[in-house]
Amino acid sequence: MDYIALSSTLRRKKMSIFTFEDIRNLFPEENTKTIKNNFTRWLLKGYFVRLKKGLYELVDPSAEFKIPDLYVANKLYSPSYISLETALSIFSIIPDIAAGVTSVTTRPTRTFKNKYGAFFYRTCKKKCFTGYRLMLYDGCRVYIADKEKALVDFLYYRLRSGVTPDFYEERFNAKILKKIDWKKTFRYAEFFNKKTVITLKRCKEYTDKC
């Protein structure tokens, strides 16, 4: 296996982001030690970029397509889905754009930083790891929370950090919130705790008044 064979295979398989195990699976007949030595050399030459330990990106200057940071977020720490401030911003429920990409995971809370920016992951119980779907975002399929779950996740983690959400200060878009499925939203809130449900009721009261 040489660099041309590897890079062309990754492009053909649309694997711009990959692991070392992916390479081994693509070239099962190659010696593992040889693959490691060659890949380390190509990494030093800048043919690939390390996004985190064990996760890499193919550098392709000729490619017109730019990998969206939300897709990178899904790949960096799995299983996870985009939620909280990032998802609320995507749905225009809040006007501010988050400084980093925020996600929810069943794994321990983590933060990663690489050339794409900062990535924040908040841990949750398995029963709360729901309410997301695969969406097309900037040409890539990304796991993103639906509006209802993104809202509940946001409220829960704000409360968990000791902050009581101020819907006026946060400038929540009441017009959009009026159109969400509130029954589903309260069902999600019940997965967490009573404090989240109570805060969600306050959110709905804010929405109804606007």
N, C-alpha and C. Protein backbone atom coordinates (compact mmCIF):
# COMPACT_ATOMS: atom_id res chain seq x y z
N MET A 1 0.84 -1.20 0.00
CA MET A 1 0.00 0.00 0.00
C MET A 1 0.87 1.25 0.00
N ASP A 2 0.67 2.13 -0.98
CA ASP A 2 1.37 3.42 -1.00
C ASP A 2 0.37 4.53 -0.75
N TYR A 3 0.88 5.77 -0.69
CA TYR A 3 0.01 6.90 -0.38
C TYR A 3 -1.09 7.09 -1.41
N ILE A 4 -0.76 6.94 -2.68
CA ILE A 4 -1.75 7.13 -3.74
C ILE A 4 -2.89 6.12 -3.60
N ALA A 5 -2.53 4.88 -3.30
CA ALA A 5 -3.54 3.84 -3.14
C ALA A 5 -4.46 4.15 -1.96
N LEU A 6 -3.86 4.59 -0.85
CA LEU A 6 -4.64 4.91 0.33
C LEU A 6 -5.55 6.12 0.10
N SER A 7 -4.98 7.21 -0.39
CA SER A 7 -5.75 8.44 -0.58
C SER A 7 -6.87 8.26 -1.60
N SER A 8 -6.60 7.55 -2.69
CA SER A 8 -7.63 7.34 -3.70
C SER A 8 -8.75 6.46 -3.17
N THR A 9 -8.39 5.47 -2.34
CA THR A 9 -9.40 4.59 -1.74
C THR A 9 -10.28 5.37 -0.77
N LEU A 10 -9.66 6.22 0.05
CA LEU A 10 -10.42 7.04 1.00
C LEU A 10 -11.37 7.99 0.27
N ARG A 11 -10.90 8.57 -0.81
CA ARG A 11 -11.77 9.47 -1.59
C ARG A 11 -12.94 8.70 -2.20
N ARG A 12 -12.62 7.54 -2.76
CA ARG A 12 -13.66 6.73 -3.41
C ARG A 12 -14.72 6.29 -2.41
N LYS A 13 -14.28 5.98 -1.19
CA LYS A 13 -15.19 5.52 -0.13
C LYS A 13 -15.85 6.70 0.61
N LYS A 14 -15.45 7.93 0.21
CA LYS A 14 -15.95 9.14 0.87
C LYS A 14 -15.66 9.11 2.36
N MET A 15 -14.42 8.73 2.68
CA MET A 15 -13.97 8.65 4.08
C MET A 15 -12.92 9.72 4.35
N SER A 16 -13.36 10.98 4.33
CA SER A 16 -12.45 12.09 4.58
C SER A 16 -11.92 12.05 6.01
N ILE A 17 -12.74 11.54 6.92
CA ILE A 17 -12.34 11.35 8.32
C ILE A 17 -12.37 9.86 8.60
N PHE A 18 -11.29 9.36 9.19
CA PHE A 18 -11.15 7.91 9.36
C PHE A 18 -10.26 7.57 10.54
N THR A 19 -10.26 6.31 10.91
CA THR A 19 -9.40 5.80 11.99
C THR A 19 -8.34 4.87 11.40
N PHE A 20 -7.38 4.51 12.21
CA PHE A 20 -6.35 3.58 11.76
C PHE A 20 -6.97 2.21 11.48
N GLU A 21 -7.99 1.87 12.26
CA GLU A 21 -8.69 0.60 12.05
C GLU A 21 -9.37 0.58 10.68
N ASP A 22 -9.84 1.75 10.25
CA ASP A 22 -10.45 1.84 8.92
C ASP A 22 -9.44 1.47 7.84
N ILE A 23 -8.20 1.95 8.02
CA ILE A 23 -7.16 1.64 7.03
C ILE A 23 -6.88 0.14 7.01
N ARG A 24 -6.80 -0.45 8.18
CA ARG A 24 -6.55 -1.90 8.26
C ARG A 24 -7.67 -2.68 7.59
N ASN A 25 -8.89 -2.21 7.75
CA ASN A 25 -10.03 -2.90 7.13
C ASN A 25 -10.03 -2.72 5.61
N LEU A 26 -9.54 -1.57 5.15
CA LEU A 26 -9.49 -1.31 3.72
C LEU A 26 -8.37 -2.09 3.04
N PHE A 27 -7.30 -2.36 3.80
CA PHE A 27 -6.14 -3.08 3.26
C PHE A 27 -5.78 -4.24 4.19
N PRO A 28 -6.65 -5.23 4.30
CA PRO A 28 -6.42 -6.35 5.23
C PRO A 28 -5.20 -7.20 4.92
N GLU A 29 -4.74 -7.16 3.67
CA GLU A 29 -3.59 -7.99 3.28
C GLU A 29 -2.26 -7.34 3.66
N GLU A 30 -2.29 -6.05 4.03
CA GLU A 30 -1.05 -5.35 4.36
C GLU A 30 -0.60 -5.65 5.80
N ASN A 31 0.70 -5.62 6.00
CA ASN A 31 1.28 -5.82 7.33
C ASN A 31 0.98 -4.61 8.21
N THR A 32 0.47 -4.84 9.42
CA THR A 32 0.07 -3.75 10.31
C THR A 32 1.24 -2.83 10.65
N LYS A 33 2.39 -3.39 10.90
CA LYS A 33 3.57 -2.58 11.25
C LYS A 33 3.97 -1.69 10.09
N THR A 34 3.89 -2.22 8.89
CA THR A 34 4.25 -1.44 7.70
C THR A 34 3.27 -0.29 7.50
N ILE A 35 1.98 -0.58 7.73
CA ILE A 35 0.96 0.47 7.61
C ILE A 35 1.23 1.59 8.60
N LYS A 36 1.56 1.22 9.85
CA LYS A 36 1.84 2.21 10.89
C LYS A 36 3.03 3.08 10.53
N ASN A 37 4.11 2.44 10.07
CA ASN A 37 5.32 3.19 9.72
C ASN A 37 5.07 4.15 8.57
N ASN A 38 4.38 3.67 7.54
CA ASN A 38 4.08 4.52 6.38
C ASN A 38 3.14 5.66 6.76
N PHE A 39 2.13 5.33 7.54
CA PHE A 39 1.16 6.35 7.90
C PHE A 39 1.80 7.43 8.78
N THR A 40 2.67 7.05 9.70
CA THR A 40 3.37 8.02 10.54
C THR A 40 4.19 8.97 9.68
N ARG A 41 4.83 8.44 8.68
CA ARG A 41 5.64 9.26 7.76
C ARG A 41 4.75 10.23 6.97
N TRP A 42 3.63 9.75 6.49
CA TRP A 42 2.71 10.61 5.73
C TRP A 42 2.07 11.67 6.61
N LEU A 43 1.87 11.32 7.88
CA LEU A 43 1.31 12.27 8.83
C LEU A 43 2.29 13.42 9.06
N LEU A 44 3.55 13.10 9.20
CA LEU A 44 4.59 14.11 9.40
C LEU A 44 4.75 15.00 8.16
N LYS A 45 4.49 14.45 7.00
CA LYS A 45 4.60 15.22 5.75
C LYS A 45 3.38 16.11 5.51
N GLY A 46 2.36 15.94 6.34
CA GLY A 46 1.17 16.78 6.22
C GLY A 46 0.13 16.27 5.25
N TYR A 47 0.25 15.00 4.85
CA TYR A 47 -0.74 14.41 3.94
C TYR A 47 -2.06 14.12 4.68
N PHE A 48 -1.94 13.99 6.01
CA PHE A 48 -3.10 13.74 6.86
C PHE A 48 -3.00 14.64 8.09
N VAL A 49 -4.13 14.91 8.71
CA VAL A 49 -4.17 15.74 9.92
C VAL A 49 -4.79 14.93 11.05
N ARG A 50 -4.18 14.99 12.20
CA ARG A 50 -4.70 14.30 13.39
C ARG A 50 -5.74 15.19 14.05
N LEU A 51 -6.99 14.71 14.15
CA LEU A 51 -8.07 15.46 14.79
C LEU A 51 -8.12 15.16 16.28
N LYS A 52 -7.79 13.95 16.64
CA LYS A 52 -7.61 13.53 18.03
C LYS A 52 -6.88 12.19 17.96
N LYS A 53 -6.52 11.63 19.09
CA LYS A 53 -5.82 10.37 19.09
C LYS A 53 -6.66 9.30 18.40
N GLY A 54 -6.12 8.75 17.32
CA GLY A 54 -6.80 7.67 16.60
C GLY A 54 -7.76 8.11 15.52
N LEU A 55 -7.96 9.44 15.37
CA LEU A 55 -8.88 9.94 14.34
C LEU A 55 -8.15 10.93 13.44
N TYR A 56 -8.27 10.73 12.13
CA TYR A 56 -7.49 11.52 11.18
C TYR A 56 -8.35 12.05 10.03
N GLU A 57 -7.81 13.05 9.34
CA GLU A 57 -8.49 13.63 8.18
C GLU A 57 -7.55 13.60 6.99
N LEU A 58 -8.10 13.26 5.85
CA LEU A 58 -7.34 13.28 4.60
C LEU A 58 -7.23 14.72 4.11
N VAL A 59 -6.00 15.18 3.89
CA VAL A 59 -5.78 16.52 3.37
C VAL A 59 -5.86 16.46 1.85
N ASP A 60 -6.80 17.19 1.30
CA ASP A 60 -7.02 17.16 -0.15
C ASP A 60 -7.18 18.59 -0.66
N PRO A 61 -6.06 19.26 -1.01
CA PRO A 61 -6.11 20.66 -1.45
C PRO A 61 -6.99 20.88 -2.68
N SER A 62 -7.16 19.85 -3.49
CA SER A 62 -7.94 19.98 -4.72
C SER A 62 -9.45 19.87 -4.47
N ALA A 63 -9.82 19.40 -3.29
CA ALA A 63 -11.24 19.20 -2.99
C ALA A 63 -11.95 20.53 -2.77
N GLU A 64 -13.07 20.71 -3.43
CA GLU A 64 -13.87 21.92 -3.27
C GLU A 64 -14.78 21.82 -2.04
N PHE A 65 -15.07 20.58 -1.63
CA PHE A 65 -15.97 20.35 -0.52
C PHE A 65 -15.26 20.56 0.82
N LYS A 66 -15.88 21.32 1.70
CA LYS A 66 -15.34 21.56 3.03
C LYS A 66 -16.15 20.78 4.05
N ILE A 67 -15.47 20.01 4.87
CA ILE A 67 -16.15 19.19 5.87
C ILE A 67 -16.75 20.10 6.95
N PRO A 68 -18.07 20.02 7.19
CA PRO A 68 -18.69 20.86 8.22
C PRO A 68 -18.29 20.42 9.63
N ASP A 69 -18.17 21.38 10.53
CA ASP A 69 -17.75 21.07 11.89
C ASP A 69 -18.74 20.17 12.62
N LEU A 70 -20.02 20.22 12.24
CA LEU A 70 -21.00 19.35 12.89
C LEU A 70 -20.75 17.88 12.56
N TYR A 71 -20.31 17.62 11.34
CA TYR A 71 -19.97 16.25 10.93
C TYR A 71 -18.74 15.78 11.71
N VAL A 72 -17.78 16.67 11.87
CA VAL A 72 -16.57 16.36 12.65
C VAL A 72 -16.97 16.02 14.08
N ALA A 73 -17.92 16.77 14.63
CA ALA A 73 -18.37 16.54 16.01
C ALA A 73 -18.92 15.13 16.19
N ASN A 74 -19.72 14.68 15.25
CA ASN A 74 -20.26 13.31 15.31
C ASN A 74 -19.16 12.27 15.29
N LYS A 75 -18.12 12.53 14.51
CA LYS A 75 -17.03 11.57 14.35
C LYS A 75 -16.04 11.58 15.52
N LEU A 76 -15.86 12.74 16.13
CA LEU A 76 -14.88 12.88 17.22
C LEU A 76 -15.21 12.03 18.43
N TYR A 77 -16.47 11.97 18.77
CA TYR A 77 -16.88 11.29 20.00
C TYR A 77 -18.22 10.62 19.75
N SER A 78 -18.21 9.34 19.65
CA SER A 78 -19.41 8.58 19.29
C SER A 78 -19.76 7.55 20.37
N PRO A 79 -21.05 7.34 20.68
CA PRO A 79 -22.22 7.97 20.06
C PRO A 79 -22.47 9.37 20.62
N SER A 80 -22.91 10.26 19.75
CA SER A 80 -23.26 11.62 20.17
C SER A 80 -24.17 12.24 19.12
N TYR A 81 -24.86 13.28 19.52
CA TYR A 81 -25.67 14.03 18.56
C TYR A 81 -25.58 15.52 18.90
N ILE A 82 -25.72 16.37 17.90
CA ILE A 82 -25.64 17.81 18.06
C ILE A 82 -26.88 18.28 18.81
N SER A 83 -26.69 19.13 19.83
CA SER A 83 -27.83 19.62 20.60
C SER A 83 -27.48 20.93 21.28
N LEU A 84 -28.24 21.27 22.34
CA LEU A 84 -27.98 22.45 23.15
C LEU A 84 -27.90 23.72 22.30
N GLU A 85 -26.95 24.62 22.59
CA GLU A 85 -26.87 25.91 21.90
C GLU A 85 -26.71 25.76 20.39
N THR A 86 -25.91 24.78 19.97
CA THR A 86 -25.66 24.63 18.54
C THR A 86 -26.95 24.29 17.79
N ALA A 87 -27.70 23.32 18.29
CA ALA A 87 -28.95 22.93 17.63
C ALA A 87 -29.98 24.06 17.71
N LEU A 88 -30.09 24.72 18.86
CA LEU A 88 -31.05 25.81 19.00
C LEU A 88 -30.73 26.95 18.03
N SER A 89 -29.45 27.17 17.78
CA SER A 89 -29.03 28.19 16.84
C SER A 89 -29.38 27.79 15.41
N ILE A 90 -29.17 26.51 15.09
CA ILE A 90 -29.50 25.99 13.75
C ILE A 90 -30.98 26.18 13.46
N PHE A 91 -31.82 25.92 14.47
CA PHE A 91 -33.27 26.04 14.31
C PHE A 91 -33.78 27.47 14.52
N SER A 92 -32.85 28.40 14.77
CA SER A 92 -33.18 29.82 14.99
C SER A 92 -34.04 30.05 16.22
N ILE A 93 -33.95 29.14 17.19
CA ILE A 93 -34.69 29.33 18.45
C ILE A 93 -33.96 30.35 19.31
N ILE A 94 -32.64 30.39 19.21
CA ILE A 94 -31.85 31.45 19.84
C ILE A 94 -31.05 32.14 18.73
N PRO A 95 -30.81 33.44 18.87
CA PRO A 95 -30.12 34.18 17.80
C PRO A 95 -28.61 34.03 17.80
N ASP A 96 -28.04 33.74 18.94
CA ASP A 96 -26.58 33.68 19.05
C ASP A 96 -26.01 32.39 18.48
N ILE A 97 -24.86 32.50 17.86
CA ILE A 97 -24.15 31.34 17.34
C ILE A 97 -23.15 30.89 18.41
N ALA A 98 -23.22 29.63 18.78
CA ALA A 98 -22.34 29.10 19.84
C ALA A 98 -20.88 29.18 19.42
N ALA A 99 -20.02 29.45 20.42
CA ALA A 99 -18.58 29.56 20.15
C ALA A 99 -17.98 28.23 19.72
N GLY A 100 -18.55 27.13 20.21
CA GLY A 100 -18.09 25.80 19.84
C GLY A 100 -19.29 24.94 19.53
N VAL A 101 -19.04 23.73 19.09
CA VAL A 101 -20.13 22.80 18.77
C VAL A 101 -20.49 22.01 20.02
N THR A 102 -21.77 22.04 20.39
CA THR A 102 -22.22 21.36 21.60
C THR A 102 -23.00 20.10 21.25
N SER A 103 -22.67 19.01 21.95
CA SER A 103 -23.29 17.71 21.69
C SER A 103 -23.65 17.01 22.98
N VAL A 104 -24.49 16.00 22.85
CA VAL A 104 -24.87 15.14 23.99
C VAL A 104 -24.39 13.73 23.69
N THR A 105 -23.90 13.05 24.71
CA THR A 105 -23.36 11.71 24.55
C THR A 105 -23.67 10.86 25.78
N THR A 106 -23.58 9.55 25.64
CA THR A 106 -23.72 8.65 26.79
C THR A 106 -22.36 8.40 27.44
N ARG A 107 -21.32 8.89 26.81
CA ARG A 107 -19.96 8.72 27.33
C ARG A 107 -19.63 9.87 28.28
N PRO A 108 -18.50 9.80 28.99
CA PRO A 108 -18.14 10.87 29.92
C PRO A 108 -18.03 12.24 29.24
N THR A 109 -18.31 13.30 29.99
CA THR A 109 -18.19 14.67 29.48
C THR A 109 -16.76 14.92 29.01
N ARG A 110 -16.64 15.50 27.82
CA ARG A 110 -15.31 15.75 27.25
C ARG A 110 -15.32 17.04 26.44
N THR A 111 -14.12 17.58 26.22
CA THR A 111 -13.92 18.72 25.34
C THR A 111 -12.74 18.43 24.43
N PHE A 112 -12.90 18.71 23.15
CA PHE A 112 -11.82 18.53 22.18
C PHE A 112 -11.59 19.85 21.45
N LYS A 113 -10.34 20.08 21.07
CA LYS A 113 -10.03 21.25 20.25
C LYS A 113 -9.10 20.82 19.12
N ASN A 114 -9.43 21.25 17.91
CA ASN A 114 -8.57 20.97 16.76
C ASN A 114 -8.75 22.10 15.75
N LYS A 115 -8.32 21.91 14.53
CA LYS A 115 -8.36 23.00 13.54
C LYS A 115 -9.78 23.46 13.23
N TYR A 116 -10.77 22.63 13.54
CA TYR A 116 -12.16 22.99 13.27
C TYR A 116 -12.77 23.83 14.40
N GLY A 117 -12.10 23.88 15.53
CA GLY A 117 -12.61 24.66 16.65
C GLY A 117 -12.75 23.82 17.91
N ALA A 118 -13.66 24.25 18.79
CA ALA A 118 -13.87 23.55 20.07
C ALA A 118 -15.14 22.72 20.00
N PHE A 119 -15.08 21.55 20.64
CA PHE A 119 -16.21 20.62 20.64
C PHE A 119 -16.50 20.21 22.08
N PHE A 120 -17.73 20.46 22.52
CA PHE A 120 -18.12 20.18 23.89
C PHE A 120 -19.17 19.05 23.92
N TYR A 121 -18.94 18.08 24.80
CA TYR A 121 -19.85 16.94 24.91
C TYR A 121 -20.34 16.82 26.35
N ARG A 122 -21.68 16.76 26.49
CA ARG A 122 -22.29 16.63 27.81
C ARG A 122 -22.86 15.23 27.96
N THR A 123 -22.56 14.60 29.06
CA THR A 123 -23.00 13.21 29.27
C THR A 123 -24.45 13.16 29.76
N CYS A 124 -25.15 12.09 29.37
CA CYS A 124 -26.53 11.89 29.83
C CYS A 124 -26.78 10.40 30.04
N LYS A 125 -27.86 10.07 30.75
CA LYS A 125 -28.23 8.68 30.95
C LYS A 125 -28.74 8.10 29.62
N LYS A 126 -28.65 6.79 29.49
CA LYS A 126 -29.06 6.15 28.25
C LYS A 126 -30.52 6.43 27.90
N LYS A 127 -31.39 6.48 28.91
CA LYS A 127 -32.81 6.71 28.64
C LYS A 127 -33.06 8.10 28.09
N CYS A 128 -32.13 9.02 28.34
CA CYS A 128 -32.27 10.39 27.84
C CYS A 128 -31.61 10.59 26.48
N PHE A 129 -30.90 9.58 26.03
CA PHE A 129 -30.19 9.66 24.75
C PHE A 129 -31.16 9.31 23.62
N THR A 130 -32.00 10.26 23.31
CA THR A 130 -33.04 10.05 22.31
C THR A 130 -33.46 11.40 21.74
N GLY A 131 -34.40 11.40 20.78
CA GLY A 131 -34.89 12.66 20.23
C GLY A 131 -33.97 13.30 19.21
N TYR A 132 -33.22 12.50 18.49
CA TYR A 132 -32.33 13.02 17.45
C TYR A 132 -32.54 12.21 16.18
N ARG A 133 -32.10 12.77 15.06
CA ARG A 133 -32.24 12.07 13.79
C ARG A 133 -31.11 12.45 12.85
N LEU A 134 -30.97 11.68 11.80
CA LEU A 134 -29.93 11.93 10.80
C LEU A 134 -30.44 12.98 9.82
N MET A 135 -29.74 14.11 9.75
CA MET A 135 -30.15 15.22 8.89
C MET A 135 -29.03 15.57 7.91
N LEU A 136 -29.41 16.11 6.77
CA LEU A 136 -28.42 16.57 5.80
C LEU A 136 -28.01 17.99 6.17
N TYR A 137 -26.72 18.16 6.44
CA TYR A 137 -26.21 19.47 6.84
C TYR A 137 -24.94 19.77 6.05
N ASP A 138 -24.99 20.81 5.23
CA ASP A 138 -23.84 21.20 4.39
C ASP A 138 -23.27 20.02 3.61
N GLY A 139 -24.14 19.18 3.09
CA GLY A 139 -23.70 18.07 2.26
C GLY A 139 -23.34 16.80 2.98
N CYS A 140 -23.44 16.81 4.32
CA CYS A 140 -23.10 15.61 5.12
C CYS A 140 -24.31 15.20 5.97
N ARG A 141 -24.38 13.92 6.25
CA ARG A 141 -25.44 13.40 7.10
C ARG A 141 -24.96 13.44 8.55
N VAL A 142 -25.69 14.19 9.36
CA VAL A 142 -25.27 14.47 10.74
C VAL A 142 -26.41 14.16 11.71
N TYR A 143 -26.06 13.57 12.85
CA TYR A 143 -27.05 13.33 13.90
C TYR A 143 -27.28 14.63 14.67
N ILE A 144 -28.52 15.14 14.59
CA ILE A 144 -28.88 16.39 15.25
C ILE A 144 -30.18 16.20 16.03
N ALA A 145 -30.25 16.79 17.21
CA ALA A 145 -31.49 16.72 18.00
C ALA A 145 -32.61 17.44 17.28
N ASP A 146 -33.85 16.97 17.47
CA ASP A 146 -34.97 17.72 16.93
C ASP A 146 -35.19 18.95 17.83
N LYS A 147 -36.04 19.85 17.40
CA LYS A 147 -36.23 21.11 18.14
C LYS A 147 -36.63 20.86 19.58
N GLU A 148 -37.54 19.91 19.77
CA GLU A 148 -38.06 19.63 21.10
C GLU A 148 -36.97 19.12 22.05
N LYS A 149 -36.16 18.20 21.56
CA LYS A 149 -35.11 17.63 22.42
C LYS A 149 -33.99 18.62 22.66
N ALA A 150 -33.65 19.41 21.65
CA ALA A 150 -32.60 20.43 21.81
C ALA A 150 -32.99 21.42 22.90
N LEU A 151 -34.26 21.79 22.93
CA LEU A 151 -34.75 22.73 23.95
C LEU A 151 -34.65 22.12 25.34
N VAL A 152 -35.11 20.88 25.47
CA VAL A 152 -35.07 20.21 26.78
C VAL A 152 -33.62 20.00 27.24
N ASP A 153 -32.78 19.57 26.34
CA ASP A 153 -31.36 19.39 26.69
C ASP A 153 -30.76 20.70 27.20
N PHE A 154 -31.06 21.78 26.51
CA PHE A 154 -30.55 23.10 26.88
C PHE A 154 -30.99 23.47 28.29
N LEU A 155 -32.28 23.30 28.57
CA LEU A 155 -32.81 23.66 29.90
C LEU A 155 -32.18 22.79 30.99
N TYR A 156 -32.11 21.50 30.73
CA TYR A 156 -31.58 20.57 31.73
C TYR A 156 -30.14 20.90 32.09
N TYR A 157 -29.30 21.11 31.09
CA TYR A 157 -27.88 21.34 31.38
C TYR A 157 -27.64 22.74 31.94
N ARG A 158 -28.48 23.70 31.63
CA ARG A 158 -28.38 25.01 32.27
C ARG A 158 -28.69 24.88 33.76
N LEU A 159 -29.77 24.18 34.06
CA LEU A 159 -30.14 23.96 35.46
C LEU A 159 -29.08 23.18 36.20
N ARG A 160 -28.52 22.20 35.52
CA ARG A 160 -27.49 21.36 36.12
C ARG A 160 -26.24 22.17 36.48
N SER A 161 -25.98 23.23 35.70
CA SER A 161 -24.81 24.08 35.96
C SER A 161 -25.12 25.17 36.99
N GLY A 162 -26.37 25.16 37.50
CA GLY A 162 -26.75 26.12 38.53
C GLY A 162 -27.32 27.42 38.00
N VAL A 163 -27.66 27.45 36.71
CA VAL A 163 -28.19 28.67 36.09
C VAL A 163 -29.68 28.47 35.75
N THR A 164 -30.52 29.42 36.20
CA THR A 164 -31.93 29.38 35.85
C THR A 164 -32.12 30.14 34.55
N PRO A 165 -32.58 29.49 33.48
CA PRO A 165 -32.71 30.16 32.18
C PRO A 165 -33.66 31.36 32.22
N ASP A 166 -33.24 32.45 31.59
CA ASP A 166 -34.08 33.63 31.44
C ASP A 166 -34.44 33.71 29.95
N PHE A 167 -35.67 33.38 29.63
CA PHE A 167 -36.08 33.26 28.23
C PHE A 167 -36.06 34.60 27.49
N TYR A 168 -36.30 35.70 28.23
CA TYR A 168 -36.23 37.02 27.62
C TYR A 168 -34.78 37.40 27.33
N GLU A 169 -33.93 37.15 28.31
CA GLU A 169 -32.51 37.47 28.14
C GLU A 169 -31.87 36.60 27.04
N GLU A 170 -32.29 35.33 26.99
CA GLU A 170 -31.76 34.43 25.97
C GLU A 170 -32.34 34.75 24.59
N ARG A 171 -33.39 35.57 24.58
CA ARG A 171 -34.08 35.97 23.34
C ARG A 171 -34.62 34.76 22.58
N PHE A 172 -35.31 33.89 23.30
CA PHE A 172 -35.93 32.73 22.67
C PHE A 172 -36.96 33.18 21.63
N ASN A 173 -36.95 32.55 20.48
CA ASN A 173 -37.86 32.89 19.39
C ASN A 173 -39.22 32.24 19.65
N ALA A 174 -40.15 33.03 20.17
CA ALA A 174 -41.47 32.50 20.53
C ALA A 174 -42.25 32.02 19.32
N LYS A 175 -42.07 32.67 18.18
CA LYS A 175 -42.80 32.28 16.96
C LYS A 175 -42.48 30.84 16.57
N ILE A 176 -41.22 30.48 16.70
CA ILE A 176 -40.81 29.10 16.36
C ILE A 176 -41.26 28.14 17.45
N LEU A 177 -41.13 28.56 18.71
CA LEU A 177 -41.51 27.69 19.82
C LEU A 177 -43.01 27.39 19.82
N LYS A 178 -43.82 28.31 19.32
CA LYS A 178 -45.27 28.08 19.26
C LYS A 178 -45.62 26.90 18.34
N LYS A 179 -44.73 26.60 17.41
CA LYS A 179 -45.00 25.56 16.41
C LYS A 179 -44.45 24.18 16.78
N ILE A 180 -43.69 24.08 17.88
CA ILE A 180 -43.12 22.78 18.23
C ILE A 180 -44.17 21.88 18.86
N ASP A 181 -43.86 20.61 18.96
CA ASP A 181 -44.77 19.63 19.56
C ASP A 181 -44.53 19.64 21.08
N TRP A 182 -45.37 20.36 21.80
CA TRP A 182 -45.14 20.52 23.24
C TRP A 182 -45.37 19.22 24.01
N LYS A 183 -46.28 18.37 23.54
CA LYS A 183 -46.49 17.09 24.21
C LYS A 183 -45.21 16.26 24.17
N LYS A 184 -44.58 16.25 23.02
CA LYS A 184 -43.33 15.51 22.88
C LYS A 184 -42.23 16.15 23.72
N THR A 185 -42.24 17.47 23.78
CA THR A 185 -41.23 18.20 24.55
C THR A 185 -41.33 17.85 26.04
N PHE A 186 -42.55 17.83 26.57
CA PHE A 186 -42.73 17.47 27.99
C PHE A 186 -42.38 16.01 28.24
N ARG A 187 -42.63 15.17 27.27
CA ARG A 187 -42.26 13.76 27.40
C ARG A 187 -40.74 13.61 27.53
N TYR A 188 -40.01 14.39 26.74
CA TYR A 188 -38.56 14.38 26.85
C TYR A 188 -38.11 14.89 28.22
N ALA A 189 -38.76 15.96 28.69
CA ALA A 189 -38.38 16.56 29.97
C ALA A 189 -38.56 15.59 31.12
N GLU A 190 -39.58 14.75 31.03
CA GLU A 190 -39.84 13.77 32.09
C GLU A 190 -38.75 12.71 32.17
N PHE A 191 -37.98 12.54 31.11
CA PHE A 191 -36.84 11.61 31.15
C PHE A 191 -35.77 12.10 32.12
N PHE A 192 -35.72 13.42 32.33
CA PHE A 192 -34.69 14.00 33.18
C PHE A 192 -35.16 14.11 34.63
N ASN A 193 -35.80 15.21 35.01
CA ASN A 193 -36.26 15.37 36.39
C ASN A 193 -37.37 16.42 36.47
N LYS A 194 -37.96 16.55 37.67
CA LYS A 194 -39.09 17.47 37.87
C LYS A 194 -38.68 18.92 37.64
N LYS A 195 -37.45 19.25 38.02
CA LYS A 195 -36.98 20.63 37.86
C LYS A 195 -36.97 21.03 36.38
N THR A 196 -36.61 20.07 35.54
CA THR A 196 -36.60 20.34 34.09
C THR A 196 -38.03 20.54 33.59
N VAL A 197 -38.95 19.71 34.09
CA VAL A 197 -40.36 19.83 33.68
C VAL A 197 -40.93 21.18 34.10
N ILE A 198 -40.63 21.60 35.33
CA ILE A 198 -41.12 22.88 35.85
C ILE A 198 -40.57 24.04 35.02
N THR A 199 -39.30 23.97 34.68
CA THR A 199 -38.68 25.03 33.88
C THR A 199 -39.25 25.05 32.47
N LEU A 200 -39.57 23.88 31.95
CA LEU A 200 -40.18 23.81 30.61
C LEU A 200 -41.57 24.44 30.63
N LYS A 201 -42.29 24.27 31.73
CA LYS A 201 -43.62 24.90 31.86
C LYS A 201 -43.47 26.41 31.83
N ARG A 202 -42.44 26.93 32.48
CA ARG A 202 -42.17 28.36 32.46
C ARG A 202 -41.86 28.83 31.04
N CYS A 203 -41.16 27.99 30.30
CA CYS A 203 -40.80 28.30 28.92
C CYS A 203 -42.07 28.40 28.06
N LYS A 204 -42.99 27.47 28.29
CA LYS A 204 -44.24 27.49 27.52
C LYS A 204 -45.09 28.71 27.88
N GLU A 205 -45.09 29.10 29.16
CA GLU A 205 -45.81 30.28 29.58
C GLU A 205 -45.23 31.52 28.90
N TYR A 206 -43.91 31.56 28.81
CA TYR A 206 -43.23 32.67 28.11
C TYR A 206 -43.66 32.70 26.65
N THR A 207 -43.71 31.51 26.03
CA THR A 207 -44.09 31.41 24.62
C THR A 207 -45.53 31.87 24.39
N ASP A 208 -46.42 31.45 25.29
CA ASP A 208 -47.84 31.79 25.15
C ASP A 208 -48.09 33.29 25.31
N LYS A 209 -47.26 33.93 26.12
CA LYS A 209 -47.44 35.37 26.39
C LYS A 209 -46.96 36.23 25.21
N CYS A 210 -46.00 35.70 24.47
CA CYS A 210 -45.39 36.50 23.39
C CYS A 210 -46.27 36.51 22.12
